[in-house]
Amino acid sequence: MKGRNSESTGKMMAMLVVSICALWVSHLGPEAAAHTIHYTVESKGMTIRVFYAAEDPANYAQYEVFGPGDTEPYQIGRTDRRGCLSLLPDRPGDWKVKVLGESAHGFHGITIDFKVNQAMELEGFSKPLVATHTRLITGLSLIIGLFGIYAWWKSRKRSENLGDQEHGKGGQPG
């Protein structure tokens, strides 16, 4: 009888140890999973490319993203080597990206405004006036510059003629 009782006690002890281990492992689930990095790759989000000129990206430029009503940045980072930054908006509304780029000409900053719709898709974005009308502004600048040179040349020639008349070299008999 003593052998059966000892055998029964041993089985009970083994079941108790297995039960305690099972309970312990079930409670460790989230902590044990914390030592593994999980990921998914999705085709969501938006990419913004920042550049100084078509072939001159603002690579590794610092940026901050602000969502609608945010006072603290939603996202911060640096653009990649192509001047791109990607983000995944979490709510519709007006978003801002502040970029601080550094080039051979010094620091350049820009704020990019864009709107996200209810489907979390890009609805539109704004460009600075200079970027949307570069050719017009360049053309007007050339015209004004050429007119300025012409006016300066005419006024110089007129002052030379006045100076000649004062000194009696104007071609009229004196």
N, C-alpha and C. Protein backbone atom coordinates (compact mmCIF):
# COMPACT_ATOMS: atom_id res chain seq x y z
N MET A 1 0.79 -1.19 0.00
CA MET A 1 0.00 0.00 0.00
C MET A 1 0.83 1.25 0.00
N LYS A 2 1.92 1.12 0.67
CA LYS A 2 2.80 2.27 0.73
C LYS A 2 3.31 2.63 -0.65
N GLY A 3 3.55 1.72 -1.54
CA GLY A 3 4.06 1.97 -2.87
C GLY A 3 3.03 2.66 -3.74
N ARG A 4 1.76 2.21 -3.58
CA ARG A 4 0.70 2.84 -4.38
C ARG A 4 0.47 4.27 -3.95
N ASN A 5 0.53 4.51 -2.68
CA ASN A 5 0.32 5.85 -2.14
C ASN A 5 1.44 6.78 -2.58
N SER A 6 2.63 6.31 -2.59
CA SER A 6 3.78 7.10 -3.00
C SER A 6 3.72 7.39 -4.50
N GLU A 7 3.25 6.41 -5.27
CA GLU A 7 3.11 6.57 -6.71
C GLU A 7 2.02 7.60 -7.01
N SER A 8 0.95 7.56 -6.29
CA SER A 8 -0.15 8.50 -6.47
C SER A 8 0.29 9.91 -6.09
N THR A 9 1.06 10.02 -5.03
CA THR A 9 1.56 11.33 -4.60
C THR A 9 2.53 11.88 -5.65
N GLY A 10 3.34 11.05 -6.22
CA GLY A 10 4.29 11.47 -7.26
C GLY A 10 3.58 11.98 -8.50
N LYS A 11 2.49 11.30 -8.90
CA LYS A 11 1.71 11.73 -10.06
C LYS A 11 1.05 13.07 -9.79
N MET A 12 0.55 13.22 -8.58
CA MET A 12 -0.10 14.47 -8.22
C MET A 12 0.91 15.63 -8.21
N MET A 13 2.10 15.33 -7.70
CA MET A 13 3.15 16.36 -7.69
C MET A 13 3.55 16.73 -9.11
N ALA A 14 3.66 15.76 -9.99
CA ALA A 14 4.02 16.01 -11.38
C ALA A 14 2.94 16.85 -12.06
N MET A 15 1.67 16.52 -11.81
CA MET A 15 0.57 17.29 -12.39
C MET A 15 0.55 18.71 -11.85
N LEU A 16 0.87 18.86 -10.57
CA LEU A 16 0.92 20.18 -9.96
C LEU A 16 2.04 21.02 -10.59
N VAL A 17 3.21 20.43 -10.77
CA VAL A 17 4.34 21.13 -11.38
C VAL A 17 4.00 21.52 -12.82
N VAL A 18 3.42 20.62 -13.59
CA VAL A 18 3.05 20.91 -14.98
C VAL A 18 2.00 22.01 -15.02
N SER A 19 1.03 21.97 -14.12
CA SER A 19 -0.01 23.00 -14.07
C SER A 19 0.58 24.35 -13.74
N ILE A 20 1.48 24.40 -12.76
CA ILE A 20 2.13 25.66 -12.39
C ILE A 20 2.95 26.19 -13.56
N CYS A 21 3.69 25.33 -14.23
CA CYS A 21 4.49 25.76 -15.39
C CYS A 21 3.60 26.28 -16.52
N ALA A 22 2.49 25.58 -16.77
CA ALA A 22 1.57 26.01 -17.82
C ALA A 22 0.97 27.36 -17.48
N LEU A 23 0.58 27.53 -16.22
CA LEU A 23 0.03 28.82 -15.78
C LEU A 23 1.07 29.92 -15.91
N TRP A 24 2.31 29.65 -15.53
CA TRP A 24 3.40 30.62 -15.60
C TRP A 24 3.67 31.02 -17.05
N VAL A 25 3.75 30.03 -17.94
CA VAL A 25 4.02 30.30 -19.36
C VAL A 25 2.88 31.10 -19.99
N SER A 26 1.63 30.80 -19.62
CA SER A 26 0.50 31.54 -20.19
C SER A 26 0.52 33.01 -19.76
N HIS A 27 1.04 33.30 -18.59
CA HIS A 27 1.14 34.69 -18.14
C HIS A 27 2.35 35.40 -18.73
N LEU A 28 3.31 34.65 -19.23
CA LEU A 28 4.51 35.25 -19.82
C LEU A 28 4.33 35.59 -21.30
N GLY A 29 3.22 35.24 -21.89
CA GLY A 29 3.01 35.44 -23.33
C GLY A 29 3.46 36.79 -23.85
N PRO A 30 2.89 37.92 -23.40
CA PRO A 30 3.29 39.22 -23.94
C PRO A 30 4.74 39.57 -23.65
N GLU A 31 5.25 39.21 -22.45
CA GLU A 31 6.64 39.52 -22.15
C GLU A 31 7.59 38.70 -23.01
N ALA A 32 7.23 37.46 -23.24
CA ALA A 32 8.08 36.61 -24.07
C ALA A 32 8.08 37.10 -25.51
N ALA A 33 6.93 37.59 -25.98
CA ALA A 33 6.83 38.10 -27.35
C ALA A 33 7.56 39.42 -27.51
N ALA A 34 7.83 40.12 -26.42
CA ALA A 34 8.52 41.40 -26.50
C ALA A 34 9.96 41.25 -26.96
N HIS A 35 10.49 40.07 -26.94
CA HIS A 35 11.86 39.84 -27.38
C HIS A 35 11.95 39.52 -28.87
N THR A 36 10.82 39.62 -29.55
CA THR A 36 10.77 39.38 -30.98
C THR A 36 10.21 40.61 -31.67
N ILE A 37 10.77 40.98 -32.79
CA ILE A 37 10.27 42.12 -33.56
C ILE A 37 9.40 41.57 -34.68
N HIS A 38 8.16 42.04 -34.73
CA HIS A 38 7.23 41.64 -35.78
C HIS A 38 7.07 42.79 -36.75
N TYR A 39 6.66 42.51 -37.97
CA TYR A 39 6.46 43.58 -38.95
C TYR A 39 5.47 43.17 -40.01
N THR A 40 4.93 44.15 -40.69
CA THR A 40 4.14 43.95 -41.89
C THR A 40 4.61 44.98 -42.91
N VAL A 41 4.42 44.68 -44.16
CA VAL A 41 4.75 45.61 -45.24
C VAL A 41 3.43 45.92 -45.93
N GLU A 42 3.07 47.21 -45.94
CA GLU A 42 1.79 47.63 -46.50
C GLU A 42 2.00 48.69 -47.57
N SER A 43 1.08 48.76 -48.48
CA SER A 43 1.16 49.77 -49.53
C SER A 43 0.28 50.96 -49.18
N LYS A 44 0.41 51.44 -47.97
CA LYS A 44 -0.35 52.61 -47.51
C LYS A 44 0.62 53.76 -47.30
N GLY A 45 0.06 54.92 -47.04
CA GLY A 45 0.89 56.06 -46.67
C GLY A 45 1.13 57.02 -47.81
N MET A 46 1.91 58.04 -47.48
CA MET A 46 2.23 59.10 -48.44
C MET A 46 3.72 59.36 -48.42
N THR A 47 4.23 59.75 -49.56
CA THR A 47 5.64 60.10 -49.67
C THR A 47 5.75 61.52 -50.20
N ILE A 48 6.60 62.29 -49.58
CA ILE A 48 6.86 63.66 -50.00
C ILE A 48 8.33 63.73 -50.40
N ARG A 49 8.61 64.27 -51.59
CA ARG A 49 9.99 64.44 -52.05
C ARG A 49 10.35 65.92 -51.96
N VAL A 50 11.45 66.21 -51.28
CA VAL A 50 11.91 67.58 -51.07
C VAL A 50 13.22 67.75 -51.84
N PHE A 51 13.32 68.85 -52.62
CA PHE A 51 14.53 69.05 -53.42
C PHE A 51 14.81 70.52 -53.62
N TYR A 52 16.07 70.83 -53.89
CA TYR A 52 16.49 72.20 -54.19
C TYR A 52 16.30 72.48 -55.67
N ALA A 53 16.64 71.51 -56.49
CA ALA A 53 16.44 71.53 -57.94
C ALA A 53 16.10 70.09 -58.34
N ALA A 54 15.64 69.91 -59.58
CA ALA A 54 15.18 68.58 -60.01
C ALA A 54 16.20 67.48 -59.73
N GLU A 55 17.45 67.75 -59.90
CA GLU A 55 18.49 66.75 -59.69
C GLU A 55 19.30 66.99 -58.42
N ASP A 56 18.77 67.80 -57.51
CA ASP A 56 19.47 68.13 -56.26
C ASP A 56 18.54 67.91 -55.07
N PRO A 57 18.43 66.65 -54.59
CA PRO A 57 17.50 66.37 -53.50
C PRO A 57 17.97 66.95 -52.17
N ALA A 58 17.02 67.25 -51.31
CA ALA A 58 17.32 67.71 -49.94
C ALA A 58 17.54 66.45 -49.09
N ASN A 59 18.63 65.74 -49.39
CA ASN A 59 18.88 64.47 -48.71
C ASN A 59 19.30 64.69 -47.26
N TYR A 60 18.77 63.83 -46.40
CA TYR A 60 19.05 63.80 -44.96
C TYR A 60 18.65 65.11 -44.25
N ALA A 61 17.68 65.81 -44.82
CA ALA A 61 17.19 67.05 -44.20
C ALA A 61 16.27 66.70 -43.02
N GLN A 62 16.34 67.48 -41.97
CA GLN A 62 15.48 67.27 -40.80
C GLN A 62 14.06 67.71 -41.13
N TYR A 63 13.08 66.99 -40.57
CA TYR A 63 11.69 67.39 -40.77
C TYR A 63 10.85 67.06 -39.54
N GLU A 64 9.72 67.75 -39.44
CA GLU A 64 8.71 67.50 -38.42
C GLU A 64 7.36 67.49 -39.11
N VAL A 65 6.50 66.53 -38.75
CA VAL A 65 5.16 66.44 -39.30
C VAL A 65 4.16 66.78 -38.19
N PHE A 66 3.19 67.65 -38.52
CA PHE A 66 2.15 68.03 -37.58
C PHE A 66 0.80 67.69 -38.17
N GLY A 67 -0.01 66.94 -37.43
CA GLY A 67 -1.36 66.62 -37.85
C GLY A 67 -2.32 67.74 -37.50
N PRO A 68 -3.59 67.58 -37.88
CA PRO A 68 -4.59 68.61 -37.58
C PRO A 68 -4.69 68.86 -36.07
N GLY A 69 -4.45 70.11 -35.67
CA GLY A 69 -4.56 70.48 -34.27
C GLY A 69 -3.39 70.08 -33.40
N ASP A 70 -2.36 69.47 -33.95
CA ASP A 70 -1.20 69.04 -33.15
C ASP A 70 -0.33 70.23 -32.74
N THR A 71 0.12 70.21 -31.49
CA THR A 71 1.11 71.18 -31.03
C THR A 71 2.46 70.50 -30.90
N GLU A 72 2.46 69.20 -30.72
CA GLU A 72 3.69 68.39 -30.69
C GLU A 72 3.77 67.65 -32.02
N PRO A 73 4.99 67.42 -32.52
CA PRO A 73 5.11 66.73 -33.81
C PRO A 73 4.51 65.32 -33.77
N TYR A 74 3.81 64.97 -34.82
CA TYR A 74 3.27 63.63 -35.02
C TYR A 74 4.41 62.68 -35.39
N GLN A 75 5.38 63.21 -36.12
CA GLN A 75 6.53 62.41 -36.58
C GLN A 75 7.71 63.35 -36.79
N ILE A 76 8.90 62.89 -36.45
CA ILE A 76 10.13 63.65 -36.73
C ILE A 76 11.13 62.70 -37.37
N GLY A 77 12.06 63.27 -38.11
CA GLY A 77 13.07 62.42 -38.74
C GLY A 77 13.91 63.18 -39.74
N ARG A 78 14.51 62.42 -40.63
CA ARG A 78 15.32 62.97 -41.72
C ARG A 78 14.88 62.33 -43.03
N THR A 79 14.97 63.10 -44.09
CA THR A 79 14.66 62.54 -45.41
C THR A 79 15.72 61.51 -45.77
N ASP A 80 15.41 60.66 -46.73
CA ASP A 80 16.39 59.67 -47.16
C ASP A 80 17.36 60.29 -48.18
N ARG A 81 18.19 59.49 -48.78
CA ARG A 81 19.20 60.03 -49.70
C ARG A 81 18.60 60.65 -50.95
N ARG A 82 17.32 60.32 -51.26
CA ARG A 82 16.64 60.91 -52.41
C ARG A 82 15.80 62.11 -52.03
N GLY A 83 15.85 62.52 -50.74
CA GLY A 83 15.06 63.66 -50.28
C GLY A 83 13.62 63.30 -49.97
N CYS A 84 13.34 62.01 -49.78
CA CYS A 84 11.96 61.56 -49.54
C CYS A 84 11.69 61.31 -48.06
N LEU A 85 10.46 61.58 -47.66
CA LEU A 85 9.99 61.21 -46.33
C LEU A 85 8.62 60.56 -46.52
N SER A 86 8.33 59.56 -45.71
CA SER A 86 7.06 58.86 -45.81
C SER A 86 6.34 58.92 -44.48
N LEU A 87 5.03 58.98 -44.56
CA LEU A 87 4.23 59.01 -43.34
C LEU A 87 2.90 58.34 -43.58
N LEU A 88 2.26 57.96 -42.49
CA LEU A 88 0.96 57.30 -42.53
C LEU A 88 0.01 58.10 -41.64
N PRO A 89 -0.73 59.05 -42.23
CA PRO A 89 -1.65 59.87 -41.42
C PRO A 89 -2.69 58.99 -40.72
N ASP A 90 -3.06 59.41 -39.51
CA ASP A 90 -4.03 58.64 -38.73
C ASP A 90 -5.39 59.31 -38.64
N ARG A 91 -5.55 60.51 -39.28
CA ARG A 91 -6.83 61.19 -39.25
C ARG A 91 -6.91 62.18 -40.42
N PRO A 92 -8.12 62.46 -40.87
CA PRO A 92 -8.27 63.44 -41.97
C PRO A 92 -8.05 64.86 -41.48
N GLY A 93 -7.79 65.75 -42.42
CA GLY A 93 -7.63 67.16 -42.10
C GLY A 93 -6.41 67.77 -42.75
N ASP A 94 -6.06 68.96 -42.26
CA ASP A 94 -4.92 69.71 -42.79
C ASP A 94 -3.65 69.35 -42.03
N TRP A 95 -2.65 68.90 -42.74
CA TRP A 95 -1.36 68.48 -42.18
C TRP A 95 -0.28 69.44 -42.62
N LYS A 96 0.81 69.50 -41.85
CA LYS A 96 1.97 70.35 -42.18
C LYS A 96 3.25 69.54 -42.00
N VAL A 97 4.18 69.76 -42.91
CA VAL A 97 5.52 69.20 -42.78
C VAL A 97 6.48 70.37 -42.81
N LYS A 98 7.28 70.50 -41.77
CA LYS A 98 8.30 71.55 -41.72
C LYS A 98 9.65 70.89 -42.00
N VAL A 99 10.32 71.36 -43.05
CA VAL A 99 11.60 70.79 -43.46
C VAL A 99 12.68 71.85 -43.32
N LEU A 100 13.81 71.48 -42.72
CA LEU A 100 14.95 72.37 -42.61
C LEU A 100 16.10 71.72 -43.37
N GLY A 101 16.40 72.26 -44.54
CA GLY A 101 17.46 71.70 -45.37
C GLY A 101 18.70 72.55 -45.32
N GLU A 102 19.83 71.92 -45.53
CA GLU A 102 21.11 72.63 -45.57
C GLU A 102 21.79 72.30 -46.88
N SER A 103 22.14 73.34 -47.63
CA SER A 103 22.84 73.13 -48.90
C SER A 103 24.12 73.95 -48.87
N ALA A 104 24.79 73.98 -50.00
CA ALA A 104 26.02 74.77 -50.11
C ALA A 104 25.73 76.27 -49.95
N HIS A 105 24.47 76.65 -50.12
CA HIS A 105 24.07 78.06 -50.02
C HIS A 105 23.58 78.43 -48.62
N GLY A 106 23.59 77.48 -47.68
CA GLY A 106 23.14 77.77 -46.32
C GLY A 106 21.88 77.00 -45.97
N PHE A 107 21.19 77.44 -44.92
CA PHE A 107 19.99 76.78 -44.46
C PHE A 107 18.77 77.26 -45.24
N HIS A 108 17.89 76.33 -45.55
CA HIS A 108 16.65 76.63 -46.25
C HIS A 108 15.52 75.93 -45.52
N GLY A 109 14.47 76.63 -45.21
CA GLY A 109 13.33 76.02 -44.55
C GLY A 109 12.09 76.18 -45.40
N ILE A 110 11.20 75.21 -45.29
CA ILE A 110 9.94 75.27 -46.02
C ILE A 110 8.87 74.56 -45.20
N THR A 111 7.64 75.02 -45.32
CA THR A 111 6.50 74.34 -44.71
C THR A 111 5.61 73.86 -45.84
N ILE A 112 5.31 72.59 -45.83
CA ILE A 112 4.47 71.98 -46.86
C ILE A 112 3.10 71.71 -46.23
N ASP A 113 2.05 72.26 -46.82
CA ASP A 113 0.69 72.03 -46.34
C ASP A 113 0.00 71.05 -47.27
N PHE A 114 -0.67 70.05 -46.68
CA PHE A 114 -1.44 69.12 -47.51
C PHE A 114 -2.68 68.68 -46.74
N LYS A 115 -3.67 68.20 -47.50
CA LYS A 115 -4.95 67.82 -46.91
C LYS A 115 -5.17 66.32 -47.13
N VAL A 116 -5.63 65.66 -46.04
CA VAL A 116 -5.94 64.23 -46.07
C VAL A 116 -7.45 64.09 -45.97
N ASN A 117 -8.05 63.28 -46.85
CA ASN A 117 -9.51 63.11 -46.83
C ASN A 117 -9.92 61.98 -45.88
N GLN A 118 -11.23 61.70 -45.82
CA GLN A 118 -11.77 60.69 -44.90
C GLN A 118 -11.23 59.28 -45.18
N ALA A 119 -10.86 59.00 -46.42
CA ALA A 119 -10.31 57.69 -46.79
C ALA A 119 -8.81 57.61 -46.51
N MET A 120 -8.27 58.62 -45.82
CA MET A 120 -6.84 58.70 -45.49
C MET A 120 -5.97 58.76 -46.74
N GLU A 121 -6.50 59.43 -47.77
CA GLU A 121 -5.76 59.63 -49.01
C GLU A 121 -5.46 61.11 -49.18
N LEU A 122 -4.43 61.40 -49.98
CA LEU A 122 -4.07 62.79 -50.26
C LEU A 122 -5.17 63.44 -51.07
N GLU A 123 -5.70 64.56 -50.55
CA GLU A 123 -6.72 65.31 -51.27
C GLU A 123 -6.09 66.43 -52.08
N GLY A 124 -5.00 67.01 -51.58
CA GLY A 124 -4.32 68.07 -52.30
C GLY A 124 -3.21 68.66 -51.45
N PHE A 125 -2.36 69.46 -52.09
CA PHE A 125 -1.27 70.13 -51.37
C PHE A 125 -1.02 71.48 -52.01
N SER A 126 -0.41 72.36 -51.24
CA SER A 126 -0.13 73.70 -51.76
C SER A 126 1.35 73.84 -52.05
N LYS A 127 1.62 74.67 -53.05
CA LYS A 127 3.00 75.00 -53.39
C LYS A 127 3.16 76.50 -53.21
N PRO A 128 4.35 76.95 -52.85
CA PRO A 128 4.56 78.39 -52.74
C PRO A 128 4.35 79.08 -54.09
N LEU A 129 3.98 80.35 -54.05
CA LEU A 129 3.72 81.11 -55.26
C LEU A 129 4.90 81.05 -56.23
N VAL A 130 6.10 81.13 -55.70
CA VAL A 130 7.29 81.10 -56.56
C VAL A 130 7.37 79.77 -57.31
N ALA A 131 7.04 78.67 -56.64
CA ALA A 131 7.14 77.36 -57.28
C ALA A 131 6.09 77.17 -58.37
N THR A 132 4.90 77.75 -58.19
CA THR A 132 3.85 77.56 -59.19
C THR A 132 3.97 78.51 -60.37
N HIS A 133 4.64 79.66 -60.18
CA HIS A 133 4.73 80.67 -61.25
C HIS A 133 6.18 81.06 -61.53
N THR A 134 7.09 80.12 -61.48
CA THR A 134 8.51 80.41 -61.65
C THR A 134 8.80 81.07 -63.00
N ARG A 135 8.22 80.54 -64.07
CA ARG A 135 8.50 81.11 -65.41
C ARG A 135 7.97 82.53 -65.53
N LEU A 136 6.78 82.76 -64.99
CA LEU A 136 6.21 84.11 -65.04
C LEU A 136 7.07 85.09 -64.26
N ILE A 137 7.47 84.72 -63.05
CA ILE A 137 8.30 85.61 -62.23
C ILE A 137 9.66 85.85 -62.89
N THR A 138 10.25 84.81 -63.47
CA THR A 138 11.53 84.96 -64.16
C THR A 138 11.39 85.89 -65.36
N GLY A 139 10.32 85.71 -66.15
CA GLY A 139 10.09 86.57 -67.32
C GLY A 139 9.90 88.03 -66.93
N LEU A 140 9.08 88.27 -65.90
CA LEU A 140 8.88 89.65 -65.44
C LEU A 140 10.18 90.25 -64.93
N SER A 141 10.97 89.47 -64.23
CA SER A 141 12.25 89.97 -63.71
C SER A 141 13.18 90.36 -64.86
N LEU A 142 13.22 89.56 -65.90
CA LEU A 142 14.06 89.88 -67.06
C LEU A 142 13.59 91.17 -67.73
N ILE A 143 12.27 91.30 -67.91
CA ILE A 143 11.74 92.50 -68.56
C ILE A 143 12.07 93.74 -67.73
N ILE A 144 11.83 93.69 -66.44
CA ILE A 144 12.11 94.83 -65.56
C ILE A 144 13.61 95.14 -65.55
N GLY A 145 14.44 94.09 -65.51
CA GLY A 145 15.89 94.29 -65.52
C GLY A 145 16.37 94.93 -66.81
N LEU A 146 15.86 94.45 -67.96
CA LEU A 146 16.25 95.03 -69.24
C LEU A 146 15.77 96.47 -69.37
N PHE A 147 14.55 96.75 -68.92
CA PHE A 147 14.05 98.12 -68.94
C PHE A 147 14.91 99.03 -68.05
N GLY A 148 15.33 98.52 -66.91
CA GLY A 148 16.20 99.30 -66.02
C GLY A 148 17.53 99.63 -66.67
N ILE A 149 18.11 98.66 -67.35
CA ILE A 149 19.39 98.91 -68.04
C ILE A 149 19.18 99.94 -69.17
N TYR A 150 18.09 99.79 -69.92
CA TYR A 150 17.79 100.73 -71.01
C TYR A 150 17.60 102.15 -70.46
N ALA A 151 16.83 102.29 -69.36
CA ALA A 151 16.57 103.61 -68.76
C ALA A 151 17.87 104.21 -68.24
N TRP A 152 18.71 103.42 -67.64
CA TRP A 152 20.00 103.92 -67.14
C TRP A 152 20.85 104.40 -68.31
N TRP A 153 20.90 103.62 -69.39
CA TRP A 153 21.70 103.97 -70.56
C TRP A 153 21.18 105.28 -71.18
N LYS A 154 19.86 105.43 -71.31
CA LYS A 154 19.27 106.64 -71.88
C LYS A 154 19.56 107.85 -70.99
N SER A 155 19.45 107.70 -69.67
CA SER A 155 19.69 108.84 -68.79
C SER A 155 21.17 109.23 -68.81
N ARG A 156 22.06 108.29 -68.97
CA ARG A 156 23.49 108.58 -69.05
C ARG A 156 23.79 109.34 -70.34
N LYS A 157 23.21 108.90 -71.43
CA LYS A 157 23.42 109.55 -72.72
C LYS A 157 22.86 110.97 -72.69
N ARG A 158 21.68 111.16 -72.05
CA ARG A 158 21.07 112.48 -71.96
C ARG A 158 21.96 113.40 -71.13
N SER A 159 22.50 112.89 -70.02
CA SER A 159 23.36 113.74 -69.18
C SER A 159 24.65 114.10 -69.91
N GLU A 160 25.15 113.20 -70.77
CA GLU A 160 26.35 113.53 -71.57
C GLU A 160 26.02 114.64 -72.55
N ASN A 161 24.84 114.59 -73.19
CA ASN A 161 24.43 115.63 -74.14
C ASN A 161 24.26 116.96 -73.43
N LEU A 162 23.69 116.97 -72.24
CA LEU A 162 23.53 118.21 -71.49
C LEU A 162 24.90 118.78 -71.11
N GLY A 163 25.80 117.91 -70.73
CA GLY A 163 27.15 118.35 -70.37
C GLY A 163 27.87 118.95 -71.56
N ASP A 164 27.69 118.38 -72.76
CA ASP A 164 28.31 118.91 -73.98
C ASP A 164 27.74 120.29 -74.31
N GLN A 165 26.43 120.49 -74.13
CA GLN A 165 25.82 121.78 -74.45
C GLN A 165 26.29 122.86 -73.48
N GLU A 166 26.51 122.50 -72.22
CA GLU A 166 26.98 123.48 -71.26
C GLU A 166 28.40 123.94 -71.56
N HIS A 167 29.19 123.09 -72.15
CA HIS A 167 30.58 123.43 -72.43
C HIS A 167 30.77 123.95 -73.87
N GLY A 168 29.68 124.16 -74.57
CA GLY A 168 29.79 124.74 -75.90
C GLY A 168 30.17 123.75 -76.96
N LYS A 169 29.96 122.46 -76.74
CA LYS A 169 30.32 121.48 -77.75
C LYS A 169 29.06 120.92 -78.41
N GLY A 170 27.97 121.56 -78.30
CA GLY A 170 26.69 121.03 -78.75
C GLY A 170 26.45 121.18 -80.23
N GLY A 171 27.31 121.74 -81.06
CA GLY A 171 27.11 121.85 -82.48
C GLY A 171 26.43 123.16 -82.87
N GLN A 172 26.02 123.98 -81.94
CA GLN A 172 25.43 125.26 -82.25
C GLN A 172 26.52 126.32 -82.18
N PRO A 173 26.45 127.28 -83.06
CA PRO A 173 27.51 128.31 -83.02
C PRO A 173 27.48 129.08 -81.73
N GLY A 174 28.61 129.28 -81.15
CA GLY A 174 28.71 129.94 -79.88
C GLY A 174 29.25 131.26 -79.89
